[in-house]
Every structure is written in structure tokens, then in C-alpha cells.
Amino acid sequence: MIDLRNLVKEFGDLRAVDDLSLKVDPGEFYVVLGPNAAGKTTTIKMLVGLISPTAGTLNVCGFDVEKEPMEVRRRLAFVPDFPFLYDKLTPWEFFRFTGQLFHLTEEQIQRQTRELIPRFSLNPYLDKRIESLSHGTRQRIAIVSALMHEPKLFVLDEPMVGLDPHHQFVLKEVLKERAAQGMTVFLSTHQLSVAEEVADRIGIVHMGKLVAEGTKEELHALGGQGNVALEETFLALTREESDVAVARQLQQG
């Protein structure tokens, strides 16, 4: 489903992603963990075709992201941490617009949103302009619209940002259900609890490199003295001098 090989992305003198390789199987729930400025968002932007790699290859659903971008985009959905929505539209208008982009009929749009709209508590907002809605509500609109065409791959960058605890729970349940039905989920977060709760496998990214990968149990065992908390493993693998971390974040803006 996802095959990233020797991926590199440079911005001037900064190497944001450094020889990163990973594979994700169909129907797998894969979570990327990493501190700020680790390279998670840059990797995702390359994965969905928003930016090109400096080196390396990206294959999604059997297609080369660089050479066959439209084939890839037909099969995936992407929700960034701050999604772009058309402010002058209502949520219903935005759902119809999104559905029509994927050649869905009105009946298909109605069917695909019938379950998700109430689960994400969107009924009170369907006729309000998006510009008047909170960030959390906009995030829920983006998630529902992304799922309408039943993507084979759903990519989410820090999706819990702006969601209250109830809708964080709803999102995790929906993603687990869809993964059980065969959809691949690729999610980035810095929240260890999210990774522990939902992931089939976890990749830890630090300074642009994939420094560890495995199931929750495998990562727990990396401490070398039996099982340790994922937090301890994560901190041990991503520990760095504070001045290096600050300099890297300043370079990335």
C-alpha cells in the first residue's frame, strides 16, 4: 500500500527527511510518532504529492507518486492539522462539492454522510457558513468529507488538534472500524497515548530518520530490560541536546 524508499527532502542546508524508508500493508493502522521538527509533516506532504522529494521514491497503492499523481489522489484522502475549507460554503455545500470532485451522485453523497454527520455532531452546523465555525468543527467537517469517497488510504497529520475528548474518541473508533474493513490509515502524532491505543505498528521519527519501528509490544521491549513504557522508549530514542533541537526548529520556521 505504501512503500517509501530512501526518502530525502532538503530545504537549503536543512535535511528535513534523511534517507527514510518504510512500508505499510493494506488495511494496516500505522502511526508515526516524533517530536516537533522531526520530519513527520514533510514526509506526509511528499507522500500525498504536495511536495517533491530531493531523492528517493514513493509508491502508493501501486503507483509512483511523482509519475502518476492523479492515480494516487483518486485512492487516498488527506486531512492536515489545519485543513483548508471554503469559508463561504456551508458544510452541506462543501460535502456536495467534495463528492462531485470524486464523481459521486447525490444519492451516494447522502449515503456516505448519513452515518458520519451525527457521529461527528455536525447536524446543528450543516446550514451555517464554515467561516463562522470553530477549528474543531472545521476539523470534523474535513474528516467526514475525506471519507466520502471511501479511500483506500487515509492520511492524517495531527488529527487530534482542535478536537475535544469526545470527538477524539469518535475519530479513533471510526478509523479503527475503517481499518478493520480494509482501509489503510497513516497517522502522524506526538501523542503517545493515541499511538498506543490505535496503532498496529508505530514508527518513531527523529531528526528526519526512522529510528525505530514495530508493534507497541516490540517498542516496549527496546528498553533492553523487559517491557518499558512507550514513553520511556520514545524519550530514549529522541533525546537530543536542547540547542540542536531549537536550531532545527528555527531552520524549519
Protein backbone atom coordinates (compact mmCIF):
# COMPACT_ATOMS: atom_id res chain seq x y z
CA MET A 1 0.00 0.00 0.00
CA ILE A 2 2.78 2.45 1.00
CA ASP A 3 6.40 1.91 0.01
CA LEU A 4 8.82 4.76 0.78
CA ARG A 5 12.44 4.10 -0.16
CA ASN A 6 15.49 6.17 0.80
CA LEU A 7 13.40 9.32 1.02
CA VAL A 8 15.30 12.60 1.33
CA LYS A 9 13.97 16.15 1.48
CA GLU A 10 16.27 19.14 1.75
CA PHE A 11 15.39 22.79 2.25
CA GLY A 12 18.61 24.63 1.53
CA ASP A 13 21.14 23.39 4.08
CA LEU A 14 18.49 21.65 6.18
CA ARG A 15 17.86 17.95 5.58
CA ALA A 16 14.32 17.61 6.95
CA VAL A 17 13.95 13.94 5.91
CA ASP A 18 17.09 11.84 5.84
CA ASP A 19 17.12 8.50 3.97
CA LEU A 20 13.77 7.38 5.37
CA SER A 21 12.33 4.04 4.24
CA LEU A 22 9.16 2.31 5.41
CA LYS A 23 6.39 0.03 4.19
CA VAL A 24 2.74 -0.12 5.24
CA ASP A 25 0.47 -3.03 4.30
CA PRO A 26 -3.14 -2.77 3.07
CA GLY A 27 -5.56 -2.43 5.98
CA GLU A 28 -2.80 -1.57 8.44
CA PHE A 29 -3.14 1.22 11.01
CA TYR A 30 0.31 2.82 11.02
CA VAL A 31 1.16 5.69 13.38
CA VAL A 32 4.22 7.92 13.01
CA LEU A 33 5.46 9.36 16.30
CA GLY A 34 8.01 12.10 16.64
CA PRO A 35 8.84 15.33 18.45
CA ASN A 36 8.38 18.73 16.86
CA ALA A 37 10.51 19.26 13.72
CA ALA A 38 11.15 15.52 13.40
CA GLY A 39 10.15 15.42 9.72
CA LYS A 40 6.68 13.90 10.10
CA THR A 41 4.74 16.58 8.22
CA THR A 42 7.37 16.86 5.50
CA THR A 43 7.18 13.10 4.95
CA ILE A 44 3.40 13.26 4.74
CA LYS A 45 3.48 16.15 2.26
CA MET A 46 5.70 14.07 -0.01
CA LEU A 47 3.52 11.01 0.48
CA VAL A 48 0.37 12.81 -0.70
CA GLY A 49 2.13 14.64 -3.53
CA LEU A 50 2.17 18.19 -2.15
CA ILE A 51 5.95 18.50 -2.38
CA SER A 52 8.57 16.53 -4.29
CA PRO A 53 11.41 14.62 -2.64
CA THR A 54 15.02 15.63 -3.15
CA ALA A 55 15.81 11.93 -3.57
CA GLY A 56 14.13 8.57 -3.10
CA THR A 57 10.89 7.03 -4.33
CA LEU A 58 7.29 6.98 -3.09
CA ASN A 59 4.86 4.27 -4.15
CA VAL A 60 1.22 4.38 -3.01
CA CYS A 61 -1.45 1.85 -4.00
CA GLY A 62 0.91 0.50 -6.65
CA PHE A 63 1.53 3.90 -8.27
CA ASP A 64 4.56 6.18 -8.27
CA VAL A 65 3.54 9.41 -6.52
CA GLU A 66 5.80 11.52 -8.73
CA LYS A 67 4.94 9.89 -12.07
CA GLU A 68 1.25 9.03 -11.54
CA PRO A 69 -0.06 11.61 -9.06
CA MET A 70 -3.69 11.54 -10.24
CA GLU A 71 -3.94 7.77 -9.81
CA VAL A 72 -2.64 8.16 -6.27
CA ARG A 73 -5.01 11.03 -5.42
CA ARG A 74 -8.04 9.05 -6.57
CA ARG A 75 -7.25 6.43 -3.97
CA LEU A 76 -6.26 8.46 -0.93
CA ALA A 77 -7.66 11.11 1.37
CA PHE A 78 -5.63 13.60 3.37
CA VAL A 79 -6.53 15.72 6.39
CA PRO A 80 -3.79 18.10 7.59
CA ASP A 81 -3.65 19.56 11.08
CA PHE A 82 -5.21 22.79 9.80
CA PRO A 83 -7.38 21.80 6.83
CA PHE A 84 -8.30 24.26 4.11
CA LEU A 85 -12.05 24.60 3.63
CA TYR A 86 -14.06 27.03 1.52
CA ASP A 87 -15.24 29.51 4.14
CA LYS A 88 -18.23 30.84 2.21
CA LEU A 89 -19.77 27.39 1.81
CA THR A 90 -21.90 25.57 4.35
CA PRO A 91 -20.83 22.07 5.42
CA TRP A 92 -23.53 20.55 3.20
CA GLU A 93 -22.33 22.55 0.22
CA PHE A 94 -18.76 21.50 0.96
CA PHE A 95 -19.76 17.82 1.17
CA ARG A 96 -21.52 18.08 -2.19
CA PHE A 97 -18.54 19.89 -3.71
CA THR A 98 -16.13 17.23 -2.43
CA GLY A 99 -18.37 14.39 -3.55
CA GLN A 100 -18.68 15.83 -7.04
CA LEU A 101 -14.89 16.05 -7.32
CA PHE A 102 -14.89 12.26 -6.94
CA HIS A 103 -17.88 11.87 -9.30
CA LEU A 104 -20.28 10.77 -6.57
CA THR A 105 -24.00 11.08 -7.21
CA GLU A 106 -26.28 12.96 -4.82
CA GLU A 107 -27.58 9.62 -3.54
CA GLN A 108 -24.03 8.42 -2.88
CA ILE A 109 -23.18 11.65 -1.06
CA GLN A 110 -26.26 11.28 1.12
CA ARG A 111 -25.46 7.65 1.86
CA GLN A 112 -21.80 8.26 2.68
CA THR A 113 -22.54 11.12 5.07
CA ARG A 114 -25.67 9.69 6.72
CA GLU A 115 -23.76 7.84 9.45
CA LEU A 116 -20.80 10.19 9.86
CA ILE A 117 -22.62 13.51 10.26
CA PRO A 118 -24.37 12.53 13.52
CA ARG A 119 -21.33 10.66 14.85
CA PHE A 120 -19.27 13.83 14.49
CA SER A 121 -22.13 16.00 15.86
CA LEU A 122 -22.40 18.11 12.71
CA ASN A 123 -26.19 18.31 12.30
CA PRO A 124 -26.53 21.73 14.02
CA TYR A 125 -23.97 23.27 11.66
CA LEU A 126 -24.99 21.96 8.23
CA ASP A 127 -26.55 25.23 7.07
CA LYS A 128 -24.05 27.62 8.66
CA ARG A 129 -21.15 29.13 6.75
CA ILE A 130 -17.88 27.39 7.51
CA GLU A 131 -16.20 30.74 8.26
CA SER A 132 -18.35 31.03 11.41
CA LEU A 133 -17.36 27.63 12.81
CA SER A 134 -14.69 26.68 15.33
CA HIS A 135 -11.46 24.94 14.43
CA GLY A 136 -12.68 21.68 15.95
CA THR A 137 -15.89 21.77 13.93
CA ARG A 138 -13.96 22.53 10.75
CA GLN A 139 -11.69 19.58 11.53
CA ARG A 140 -14.70 17.28 11.82
CA ILE A 141 -16.09 18.57 8.50
CA ALA A 142 -12.75 17.83 6.83
CA ILE A 143 -12.69 14.29 8.24
CA VAL A 144 -16.22 13.49 7.05
CA SER A 145 -15.58 14.92 3.57
CA ALA A 146 -12.33 12.95 3.30
CA LEU A 147 -14.10 9.65 3.99
CA MET A 148 -16.93 10.19 1.49
CA HIS A 149 -15.26 8.51 -1.49
CA GLU A 150 -14.14 5.52 0.62
CA PRO A 151 -10.39 5.99 0.14
CA LYS A 152 -8.07 3.02 0.15
CA LEU A 153 -5.55 5.11 2.11
CA PHE A 154 -6.39 7.78 4.69
CA VAL A 155 -3.50 10.06 5.69
CA LEU A 156 -3.94 12.30 8.74
CA ASP A 157 -1.44 14.79 10.14
CA GLU A 158 -2.00 15.52 13.85
CA PRO A 159 -5.77 14.97 13.51
CA MET A 160 -6.49 15.35 17.23
CA VAL A 161 -5.57 19.05 17.13
CA GLY A 162 -8.68 21.05 17.98
CA LEU A 163 -10.89 18.04 18.73
CA ASP A 164 -12.48 17.75 22.15
CA PRO A 165 -12.09 14.43 24.05
CA HIS A 166 -15.45 13.11 22.83
CA HIS A 167 -14.66 13.64 19.16
CA GLN A 168 -11.12 12.35 19.59
CA PHE A 169 -12.74 9.13 20.80
CA VAL A 170 -15.19 9.13 17.87
CA LEU A 171 -12.38 9.64 15.36
CA LYS A 172 -10.32 6.80 16.82
CA GLU A 173 -13.34 4.49 16.71
CA VAL A 174 -14.17 5.41 13.10
CA LEU A 175 -10.57 4.91 11.99
CA LYS A 176 -10.33 1.53 13.70
CA GLU A 177 -13.61 0.45 12.09
CA ARG A 178 -12.48 1.53 8.62
CA ALA A 179 -9.09 -0.15 9.05
CA ALA A 180 -10.88 -3.37 10.03
CA GLN A 181 -12.81 -3.05 6.75
CA GLY A 182 -9.57 -2.80 4.76
CA MET A 183 -8.73 0.90 4.62
CA THR A 184 -5.09 1.73 5.34
CA VAL A 185 -4.55 4.51 7.89
CA PHE A 186 -1.32 6.53 8.08
CA LEU A 187 -1.47 8.94 11.01
CA SER A 188 1.14 11.25 12.49
CA THR A 189 1.01 12.44 16.08
CA HIS A 190 3.15 13.43 19.02
CA GLN A 191 0.59 11.96 21.45
CA LEU A 192 1.94 8.63 22.67
CA SER A 193 -1.43 7.61 24.10
CA VAL A 194 -3.04 7.82 20.65
CA ALA A 195 -0.36 5.60 19.13
CA GLU A 196 -0.65 3.03 21.92
CA GLU A 197 -4.42 2.88 21.61
CA VAL A 198 -4.93 2.52 17.86
CA ALA A 199 -1.75 1.50 16.02
CA ASP A 200 -0.98 -1.88 14.52
CA ARG A 201 2.58 -0.64 14.11
CA ILE A 202 4.38 2.51 15.20
CA GLY A 203 7.29 4.28 13.51
CA ILE A 204 9.36 6.73 15.56
CA VAL A 205 10.90 9.54 13.51
CA HIS A 206 13.67 11.75 14.85
CA MET A 207 15.82 14.32 13.04
CA GLY A 208 14.39 13.14 9.73
CA LYS A 209 15.24 9.47 10.28
CA LEU A 210 13.12 6.45 11.13
CA VAL A 211 14.88 5.44 14.34
CA ALA A 212 12.57 2.61 15.43
CA GLU A 213 9.57 0.69 14.15
CA GLY A 214 7.38 -2.10 15.40
CA THR A 215 4.31 -3.06 17.34
CA LYS A 216 3.64 -1.47 20.70
CA GLU A 217 5.00 -4.59 22.40
CA GLU A 218 8.15 -4.60 20.27
CA LEU A 219 8.85 -0.96 21.04
CA HIS A 220 8.23 -1.54 24.74
CA ALA A 221 10.93 -4.21 24.66
CA LEU A 222 13.54 -1.88 23.17
CA GLY A 223 14.49 -0.76 26.67
CA GLY A 224 16.60 -3.90 26.97
CA GLN A 225 15.37 -4.76 30.46
CA GLY A 226 11.99 -6.25 29.73
CA ASN A 227 8.96 -4.21 28.82
CA VAL A 228 9.17 -0.48 29.49
CA ALA A 229 6.59 2.21 28.84
CA LEU A 230 6.42 3.51 25.29
CA GLU A 231 7.11 6.95 26.73
CA GLU A 232 10.48 5.78 28.06
CA THR A 233 11.41 4.20 24.73
CA PHE A 234 10.32 7.31 22.85
CA LEU A 235 12.31 9.65 25.09
CA ALA A 236 15.41 7.47 24.91
CA LEU A 237 15.29 7.37 21.10
CA THR A 238 14.57 11.07 20.60
CA ARG A 239 16.75 12.61 23.29
CA GLU A 240 18.99 15.37 21.98
CA GLU A 241 20.79 18.47 23.18
CA SER A 242 18.31 21.31 23.53
CA ASP A 243 20.34 23.75 21.43
CA VAL A 244 20.33 21.31 18.49
CA ALA A 245 16.57 20.90 18.74
CA VAL A 246 15.96 24.65 18.90
CA ALA A 247 18.27 25.32 15.95
CA ARG A 248 16.46 22.73 13.84
CA GLN A 249 13.04 24.19 14.64
CA LEU A 250 14.26 27.70 13.76
CA GLN A 251 15.58 26.44 10.42
CA GLN A 252 12.21 24.86 9.62
CA GLY A 253 10.38 28.04 10.54
